[in-house]
Amino acid sequence: SGQIRVSFTAPAANGSVVSGYAARCESADGGTARQTNATVGPITVTGLSVGKTYRCKAAARNGRGWSDWTALTALPAITA
């Protein structure tokens, strides 16, 4: 299976410390979608389908809950 490393810029402080992040990668050409949670970034999302193209997004969590997802970012097809 393939993997993608999702990098992102931490959100601005809103009065509550960020306690975690999530990265989600989705495919429009038949690849398996996956989400991975972590306490720091970048996040490596594993279990993706080789030969498929993915778009990934990220979100942050703090004491107030989850942020909105970032815009999807297109990535090249996974080759290994």
PDB file of N, CA and C in Angstrom:
ATOM      1  N   SER A   1       0.830  -1.187   0.000  1.00  0.00           N
ATOM      2  CA  SER A   1       0.000   0.000   0.000  1.00  0.00           C
ATOM      3  C   SER A   1       0.869   1.242   0.000  1.00  0.00           C
ATOM      4  N   GLY A   2       0.293   2.368  -0.378  1.00  0.00           N
ATOM      5  CA  GLY A   2       1.033   3.616  -0.483  1.00  0.00           C
ATOM      6  C   GLY A   2       0.785   4.535   0.690  1.00  0.00           C
ATOM      7  N   GLN A   3       1.555   5.598   0.719  1.00  0.00           N
ATOM      8  CA  GLN A   3       1.405   6.581   1.778  1.00  0.00           C
ATOM      9  C   GLN A   3       1.678   7.974   1.256  1.00  0.00           C
ATOM     10  N   ILE A   4       1.116   8.962   1.925  1.00  0.00           N
ATOM     11  CA  ILE A   4       1.324  10.366   1.595  1.00  0.00           C
ATOM     12  C   ILE A   4       1.639  11.100   2.890  1.00  0.00           C
ATOM     13  N   ARG A   5       2.602  11.999   2.828  1.00  0.00           N
ATOM     14  CA  ARG A   5       2.958  12.839   3.974  1.00  0.00           C
ATOM     15  C   ARG A   5       2.261  14.182   3.790  1.00  0.00           C
ATOM     16  N   VAL A   6       1.375  14.518   4.716  1.00  0.00           N
ATOM     17  CA  VAL A   6       0.578  15.741   4.626  1.00  0.00           C
ATOM     18  C   VAL A   6       1.183  16.807   5.548  1.00  0.00           C
ATOM     19  N   SER A   7       1.671  17.891   4.965  1.00  0.00           N
ATOM     20  CA  SER A   7       2.217  19.011   5.726  1.00  0.00           C
ATOM     21  C   SER A   7       1.181  20.128   5.775  1.00  0.00           C
ATOM     22  N   PHE A   8       1.200  20.900   6.836  1.00  0.00           N
ATOM     23  CA  PHE A   8       0.247  21.987   6.993  1.00  0.00           C
ATOM     24  C   PHE A   8       0.816  23.019   7.943  1.00  0.00           C
ATOM     25  N   THR A   9       0.247  24.201   7.922  1.00  0.00           N
ATOM     26  CA  THR A   9       0.627  25.268   8.838  1.00  0.00           C
ATOM     27  C   THR A   9      -0.349  25.242  10.009  1.00  0.00           C
ATOM     28  N   ALA A  10       0.180  25.223  11.208  1.00  0.00           N
ATOM     29  CA  ALA A  10      -0.678  25.207  12.397  1.00  0.00           C
ATOM     30  C   ALA A  10      -1.566  26.447  12.414  1.00  0.00           C
ATOM     31  N   PRO A  11      -2.802  26.305  12.866  1.00  0.00           N
ATOM     32  CA  PRO A  11      -3.713  27.454  12.894  1.00  0.00           C
ATOM     33  C   PRO A  11      -3.306  28.477  13.948  1.00  0.00           C
ATOM     34  N   ALA A  12      -3.804  29.679  13.795  1.00  0.00           N
ATOM     35  CA  ALA A  12      -3.547  30.743  14.767  1.00  0.00           C
ATOM     36  C   ALA A  12      -4.232  30.390  16.089  1.00  0.00           C
ATOM     37  N   ALA A  13      -3.652  30.828  17.179  1.00  0.00           N
ATOM     38  CA  ALA A  13      -4.213  30.560  18.508  1.00  0.00           C
ATOM     39  C   ALA A  13      -5.573  31.246  18.647  1.00  0.00           C
ATOM     40  N   ASN A  14      -6.506  30.538  19.292  1.00  0.00           N
ATOM     41  CA  ASN A  14      -7.822  31.137  19.527  1.00  0.00           C
ATOM     42  C   ASN A  14      -8.201  31.059  21.003  1.00  0.00           C
ATOM     43  N   GLY A  15      -7.191  30.979  21.863  1.00  0.00           N
ATOM     44  CA  GLY A  15      -7.442  30.926  23.297  1.00  0.00           C
ATOM     45  C   GLY A  15      -7.406  29.536  23.880  1.00  0.00           C
ATOM     46  N   SER A  16      -7.261  28.507  23.048  1.00  0.00           N
ATOM     47  CA  SER A  16      -7.201  27.132  23.515  1.00  0.00           C
ATOM     48  C   SER A  16      -6.082  26.415  22.765  1.00  0.00           C
ATOM     49  N   VAL A  17      -5.231  25.705  23.478  1.00  0.00           N
ATOM     50  CA  VAL A  17      -4.066  25.039  22.898  1.00  0.00           C
ATOM     51  C   VAL A  17      -4.500  23.895  21.977  1.00  0.00           C
ATOM     52  N   VAL A  18      -3.846  23.767  20.821  1.00  0.00           N
ATOM     53  CA  VAL A  18      -4.121  22.667  19.899  1.00  0.00           C
ATOM     54  C   VAL A  18      -3.641  21.362  20.540  1.00  0.00           C
ATOM     55  N   SER A  19      -4.523  20.360  20.550  1.00  0.00           N
ATOM     56  CA  SER A  19      -4.183  19.076  21.165  1.00  0.00           C
ATOM     57  C   SER A  19      -4.012  17.959  20.150  1.00  0.00           C
ATOM     58  N   GLY A  20      -4.332  18.217  18.891  1.00  0.00           N
ATOM     59  CA  GLY A  20      -4.161  17.193  17.880  1.00  0.00           C
ATOM     60  C   GLY A  20      -4.553  17.678  16.503  1.00  0.00           C
ATOM     61  N   TYR A  21      -4.212  16.865  15.521  1.00  0.00           N
ATOM     62  CA  TYR A  21      -4.489  17.167  14.127  1.00  0.00           C
ATOM     63  C   TYR A  21      -5.034  15.920  13.451  1.00  0.00           C
ATOM     64  N   ALA A  22      -5.675  16.107  12.324  1.00  0.00           N
ATOM     65  CA  ALA A  22      -6.114  14.999  11.485  1.00  0.00           C
ATOM     66  C   ALA A  22      -5.789  15.345  10.045  1.00  0.00           C
ATOM     67  N   ALA A  23      -5.415  14.337   9.280  1.00  0.00           N
ATOM     68  CA  ALA A  23      -5.223  14.486   7.840  1.00  0.00           C
ATOM     69  C   ALA A  23      -6.081  13.433   7.162  1.00  0.00           C
ATOM     70  N   ARG A  24      -6.810  13.825   6.147  1.00  0.00           N
ATOM     71  CA  ARG A  24      -7.676  12.904   5.400  1.00  0.00           C
ATOM     72  C   ARG A  24      -7.336  13.007   3.924  1.00  0.00           C
ATOM     73  N   CYS A  25      -7.136  11.844   3.300  1.00  0.00           N
ATOM     74  CA  CYS A  25      -6.829  11.786   1.875  1.00  0.00           C
ATOM     75  C   CYS A  25      -7.945  11.022   1.172  1.00  0.00           C
ATOM     76  N   GLU A  26      -8.470  11.618   0.092  1.00  0.00           N
ATOM     77  CA  GLU A  26      -9.579  11.052  -0.671  1.00  0.00           C
ATOM     78  C   GLU A  26      -9.170  10.929  -2.133  1.00  0.00           C
ATOM     79  N   SER A  27      -9.730   9.943  -2.804  1.00  0.00           N
ATOM     80  CA  SER A  27      -9.407   9.692  -4.203  1.00  0.00           C
ATOM     81  C   SER A  27     -10.678   9.740  -5.042  1.00  0.00           C
ATOM     82  N   ALA A  28     -10.608  10.388  -6.205  1.00  0.00           N
ATOM     83  CA  ALA A  28     -11.744  10.427  -7.121  1.00  0.00           C
ATOM     84  C   ALA A  28     -11.636   9.341  -8.188  1.00  0.00           C
ATOM     85  N   ASP A  29     -10.533   8.580  -8.191  1.00  0.00           N
ATOM     86  CA  ASP A  29     -10.366   7.549  -9.219  1.00  0.00           C
ATOM     87  C   ASP A  29     -10.255   6.142  -8.627  1.00  0.00           C
ATOM     88  N   GLY A  30     -10.979   5.907  -7.539  1.00  0.00           N
ATOM     89  CA  GLY A  30     -11.095   4.548  -7.019  1.00  0.00           C
ATOM     90  C   GLY A  30     -10.152   4.164  -5.899  1.00  0.00           C
ATOM     91  N   GLY A  31      -9.328   5.073  -5.426  1.00  0.00           N
ATOM     92  CA  GLY A  31      -8.432   4.759  -4.320  1.00  0.00           C
ATOM     93  C   GLY A  31      -9.172   4.748  -2.989  1.00  0.00           C
ATOM     94  N   THR A  32      -8.639   4.014  -2.047  1.00  0.00           N
ATOM     95  CA  THR A  32      -9.222   3.938  -0.711  1.00  0.00           C
ATOM     96  C   THR A  32      -8.951   5.214   0.059  1.00  0.00           C
ATOM     97  N   ALA A  33      -9.998   5.826   0.630  1.00  0.00           N
ATOM     98  CA  ALA A  33      -9.839   7.023   1.453  1.00  0.00           C
ATOM     99  C   ALA A  33      -9.354   6.613   2.836  1.00  0.00           C
ATOM    100  N   ARG A  34      -8.502   7.421   3.436  1.00  0.00           N
ATOM    101  CA  ARG A  34      -7.984   7.148   4.773  1.00  0.00           C
ATOM    102  C   ARG A  34      -7.830   8.449   5.547  1.00  0.00           C
ATOM    103  N   GLN A  35      -7.955   8.334   6.874  1.00  0.00           N
ATOM    104  CA  GLN A  35      -7.726   9.458   7.774  1.00  0.00           C
ATOM    105  C   GLN A  35      -6.787   9.001   8.872  1.00  0.00           C
ATOM    106  N   THR A  36      -5.866   9.876   9.257  1.00  0.00           N
ATOM    107  CA  THR A  36      -4.924   9.596  10.341  1.00  0.00           C
ATOM    108  C   THR A  36      -4.916  10.776  11.299  1.00  0.00           C
ATOM    109  N   ASN A  37      -4.953  10.492  12.592  1.00  0.00           N
ATOM    110  CA  ASN A  37      -4.864  11.525  13.622  1.00  0.00           C
ATOM    111  C   ASN A  37      -3.461  11.500  14.222  1.00  0.00           C
ATOM    112  N   ALA A  38      -2.982  12.656  14.665  1.00  0.00           N
ATOM    113  CA  ALA A  38      -1.649  12.761  15.264  1.00  0.00           C
ATOM    114  C   ALA A  38      -1.613  13.976  16.183  1.00  0.00           C
ATOM    115  N   THR A  39      -0.576  14.048  17.000  1.00  0.00           N
ATOM    116  CA  THR A  39      -0.429  15.191  17.900  1.00  0.00           C
ATOM    117  C   THR A  39       0.446  16.285  17.310  1.00  0.00           C
ATOM    118  N   VAL A  40       1.218  15.971  16.262  1.00  0.00           N
ATOM    119  CA  VAL A  40       2.069  16.949  15.583  1.00  0.00           C
ATOM    120  C   VAL A  40       2.029  16.676  14.081  1.00  0.00           C
ATOM    121  N   GLY A  41       2.468  17.626  13.301  1.00  0.00           N
ATOM    122  CA  GLY A  41       2.553  17.427  11.861  1.00  0.00           C
ATOM    123  C   GLY A  41       3.990  17.482  11.417  1.00  0.00           C
ATOM    124  N   PRO A  42       4.306  17.106  10.220  1.00  0.00           N
ATOM    125  CA  PRO A  42       3.381  16.583   9.229  1.00  0.00           C
ATOM    126  C   PRO A  42       2.873  15.194   9.608  1.00  0.00           C
ATOM    127  N   ILE A  43       1.773  14.780   8.962  1.00  0.00           N
ATOM    128  CA  ILE A  43       1.132  13.500   9.245  1.00  0.00           C
ATOM    129  C   ILE A  43       1.294  12.589   8.033  1.00  0.00           C
ATOM    130  N   THR A  44       1.735  11.353   8.267  1.00  0.00           N
ATOM    131  CA  THR A  44       1.826  10.364   7.197  1.00  0.00           C
ATOM    132  C   THR A  44       0.558   9.525   7.190  1.00  0.00           C
ATOM    133  N   VAL A  45      -0.181   9.591   6.093  1.00  0.00           N
ATOM    134  CA  VAL A  45      -1.400   8.808   5.921  1.00  0.00           C
ATOM    135  C   VAL A  45      -1.023   7.557   5.140  1.00  0.00           C
ATOM    136  N   THR A  46      -1.256   6.390   5.723  1.00  0.00           N
ATOM    137  CA  THR A  46      -0.870   5.124   5.111  1.00  0.00           C
ATOM    138  C   THR A  46      -2.105   4.353   4.646  1.00  0.00           C
ATOM    139  N   GLY A  47      -1.861   3.237   3.964  1.00  0.00           N
ATOM    140  CA  GLY A  47      -2.940   2.373   3.513  1.00  0.00           C
ATOM    141  C   GLY A  47      -3.642   2.868   2.268  1.00  0.00           C
ATOM    142  N   LEU A  48      -2.976   3.735   1.507  1.00  0.00           N
ATOM    143  CA  LEU A  48      -3.571   4.295   0.294  1.00  0.00           C
ATOM    144  C   LEU A  48      -3.289   3.379  -0.900  1.00  0.00           C
ATOM    145  N   SER A  49      -4.102   3.503  -1.925  1.00  0.00           N
ATOM    146  CA  SER A  49      -4.018   2.643  -3.106  1.00  0.00           C
ATOM    147  C   SER A  49      -2.944   3.138  -4.067  1.00  0.00           C
ATOM    148  N   VAL A  50      -2.014   2.253  -4.414  1.00  0.00           N
ATOM    149  CA  VAL A  50      -0.946   2.577  -5.357  1.00  0.00           C
ATOM    150  C   VAL A  50      -1.562   2.780  -6.739  1.00  0.00           C
ATOM    151  N   GLY A  51      -1.063   3.782  -7.473  1.00  0.00           N
ATOM    152  CA  GLY A  51      -1.547   4.074  -8.819  1.00  0.00           C
ATOM    153  C   GLY A  51      -2.760   4.978  -8.858  1.00  0.00           C
ATOM    154  N   LYS A  52      -3.234   5.437  -7.717  1.00  0.00           N
ATOM    155  CA  LYS A  52      -4.398   6.311  -7.653  1.00  0.00           C
ATOM    156  C   LYS A  52      -3.966   7.721  -7.261  1.00  0.00           C
ATOM    157  N   THR A  53      -4.762   8.711  -7.656  1.00  0.00           N
ATOM    158  CA  THR A  53      -4.487  10.105  -7.338  1.00  0.00           C
ATOM    159  C   THR A  53      -5.303  10.505  -6.111  1.00  0.00           C
ATOM    160  N   TYR A  54      -4.698  11.270  -5.225  1.00  0.00           N
ATOM    161  CA  TYR A  54      -5.356  11.679  -3.978  1.00  0.00           C
ATOM    162  C   TYR A  54      -5.381  13.182  -3.832  1.00  0.00           C
ATOM    163  N   ARG A  55      -6.359  13.637  -3.052  1.00  0.00           N
ATOM    164  CA  ARG A  55      -6.438  15.021  -2.584  1.00  0.00           C
ATOM    165  C   ARG A  55      -6.554  14.932  -1.074  1.00  0.00           C
ATOM    166  N   CYS A  56      -5.764  15.737  -0.371  1.00  0.00           N
ATOM    167  CA  CYS A  56      -5.722  15.654   1.091  1.00  0.00           C
ATOM    168  C   CYS A  56      -6.103  16.975   1.732  1.00  0.00           C
ATOM    169  N   LYS A  57      -6.570  16.877   2.970  1.00  0.00           N
ATOM    170  CA  LYS A  57      -6.949  18.056   3.752  1.00  0.00           C
ATOM    171  C   LYS A  57      -6.577  17.795   5.204  1.00  0.00           C
ATOM    172  N   ALA A  58      -6.546  18.851   6.009  1.00  0.00           N
ATOM    173  CA  ALA A  58      -6.160  18.732   7.414  1.00  0.00           C
ATOM    174  C   ALA A  58      -7.098  19.550   8.293  1.00  0.00           C
ATOM    175  N   ALA A  59      -7.145  19.178   9.575  1.00  0.00           N
ATOM    176  CA  ALA A  59      -7.935  19.907  10.572  1.00  0.00           C
ATOM    177  C   ALA A  59      -7.179  19.849  11.895  1.00  0.00           C
ATOM    178  N   ALA A  60      -7.488  20.788  12.793  1.00  0.00           N
ATOM    179  CA  ALA A  60      -6.860  20.835  14.121  1.00  0.00           C
ATOM    180  C   ALA A  60      -7.941  20.712  15.191  1.00  0.00           C
ATOM    181  N   ARG A  61      -7.535  20.173  16.358  1.00  0.00           N
ATOM    182  CA  ARG A  61      -8.469  20.016  17.478  1.00  0.00           C
ATOM    183  C   ARG A  61      -7.890  20.701  18.710  1.00  0.00           C
ATOM    184  N   ASN A  62      -8.777  21.363  19.462  1.00  0.00           N
ATOM    185  CA  ASN A  62      -8.395  21.916  20.758  1.00  0.00           C
ATOM    186  C   ASN A  62      -9.570  21.737  21.707  1.00  0.00           C
ATOM    187  N   GLY A  63      -9.541  22.395  22.832  1.00  0.00           N
ATOM    188  CA  GLY A  63     -10.607  22.266  23.814  1.00  0.00           C
ATOM    189  C   GLY A  63     -11.958  22.730  23.318  1.00  0.00           C
ATOM    190  N   ARG A  64     -11.985  23.476  22.255  1.00  0.00           N
ATOM    191  CA  ARG A  64     -13.243  23.969  21.680  1.00  0.00           C
ATOM    192  C   ARG A  64     -13.795  23.033  20.608  1.00  0.00           C
ATOM    193  N   GLY A  65     -13.036  22.007  20.242  1.00  0.00           N
ATOM    194  CA  GLY A  65     -13.478  21.061  19.219  1.00  0.00           C
ATOM    195  C   GLY A  65     -12.576  21.084  17.999  1.00  0.00           C
ATOM    196  N   TRP A  66     -13.089  20.532  16.892  1.00  0.00           N
ATOM    197  CA  TRP A  66     -12.335  20.456  15.640  1.00  0.00           C
ATOM    198  C   TRP A  66     -12.522  21.722  14.813  1.00  0.00           C
ATOM    199  N   SER A  67     -11.467  22.123  14.128  1.00  0.00           N
ATOM    200  CA  SER A  67     -11.546  23.234  13.173  1.00  0.00           C
ATOM    201  C   SER A  67     -12.235  22.752  11.904  1.00  0.00           C
ATOM    202  N   ASP A  68     -12.518  23.666  11.013  1.00  0.00           N
ATOM    203  CA  ASP A  68     -12.972  23.282   9.680  1.00  0.00           C
ATOM    204  C   ASP A  68     -11.799  22.616   8.970  1.00  0.00           C
ATOM    205  N   TRP A  69     -12.096  21.744   8.010  1.00  0.00           N
ATOM    206  CA  TRP A  69     -11.049  21.141   7.180  1.00  0.00           C
ATOM    207  C   TRP A  69     -10.451  22.206   6.278  1.00  0.00           C
ATOM    208  N   THR A  70      -9.175  22.080   5.974  1.00  0.00           N
ATOM    209  CA  THR A  70      -8.542  22.944   4.977  1.00  0.00           C
ATOM    210  C   THR A  70      -9.103  22.579   3.610  1.00  0.00           C
ATOM    211  N   ALA A  71      -8.802  23.374   2.614  1.00  0.00           N
ATOM    212  CA  ALA A  71      -9.178  23.028   1.244  1.00  0.00           C
ATOM    213  C   ALA A  71      -8.412  21.783   0.815  1.00  0.00           C
ATOM    214  N   LEU A  72      -9.011  20.984  -0.051  1.00  0.00           N
ATOM    215  CA  LEU A  72      -8.327  19.799  -0.576  1.00  0.00           C
ATOM    216  C   LEU A  72      -7.162  20.221  -1.456  1.00  0.00           C
ATOM    217  N   THR A  73      -6.040  19.527  -1.325  1.00  0.00           N
ATOM    218  CA  THR A  73      -4.854  19.795  -2.119  1.00  0.00           C
ATOM    219  C   THR A  73      -4.588  18.580  -2.999  1.00  0.00           C
ATOM    220  N   ALA A  74      -4.502  18.783  -4.313  1.00  0.00           N
ATOM    221  CA  ALA A  74      -4.266  17.683  -5.239  1.00  0.00           C
ATOM    222  C   ALA A  74      -2.817  17.218  -5.145  1.00  0.00           C
ATOM    223  N   LEU A  75      -2.633  15.908  -5.169  1.00  0.00           N
ATOM    224  CA  LEU A  75      -1.313  15.302  -5.119  1.00  0.00           C
ATOM    225  C   LEU A  75      -1.174  14.320  -6.274  1.00  0.00           C
ATOM    226  N   PRO A  76       0.054  14.052  -6.717  1.00  0.00           N
ATOM    227  CA  PRO A  76       0.228  13.107  -7.824  1.00  0.00           C
ATOM    228  C   PRO A  76      -0.127  11.680  -7.405  1.00  0.00           C
ATOM    229  N   ALA A  77      -0.318  10.813  -8.382  1.00  0.00           N
ATOM    230  CA  ALA A  77      -0.643   9.418  -8.114  1.00  0.00           C
ATOM    231  C   ALA A  77       0.460   8.772  -7.274  1.00  0.00           C
ATOM    232  N   ILE A  78       0.063   7.869  -6.414  1.00  0.00           N
ATOM    233  CA  ILE A  78       1.016   7.139  -5.579  1.00  0.00           C
ATOM    234  C   ILE A  78       1.676   6.060  -6.422  1.00  0.00           C
ATOM    235  N   THR A  79       3.003   6.000  -6.353  1.00  0.00           N
ATOM    236  CA  THR A  79       3.722   5.026  -7.166  1.00  0.00           C
ATOM    237  C   THR A  79       4.371   3.923  -6.348  1.00  0.00           C
ATOM    238  N   ALA A  80       4.463   4.082  -5.048  1.00  0.00           N
ATOM    239  CA  ALA A  80       5.091   3.033  -4.232  1.00  0.00           C
ATOM    240  C   ALA A  80       4.525   3.068  -2.824  1.00  0.00           C
TER     241      ALA A  80
END
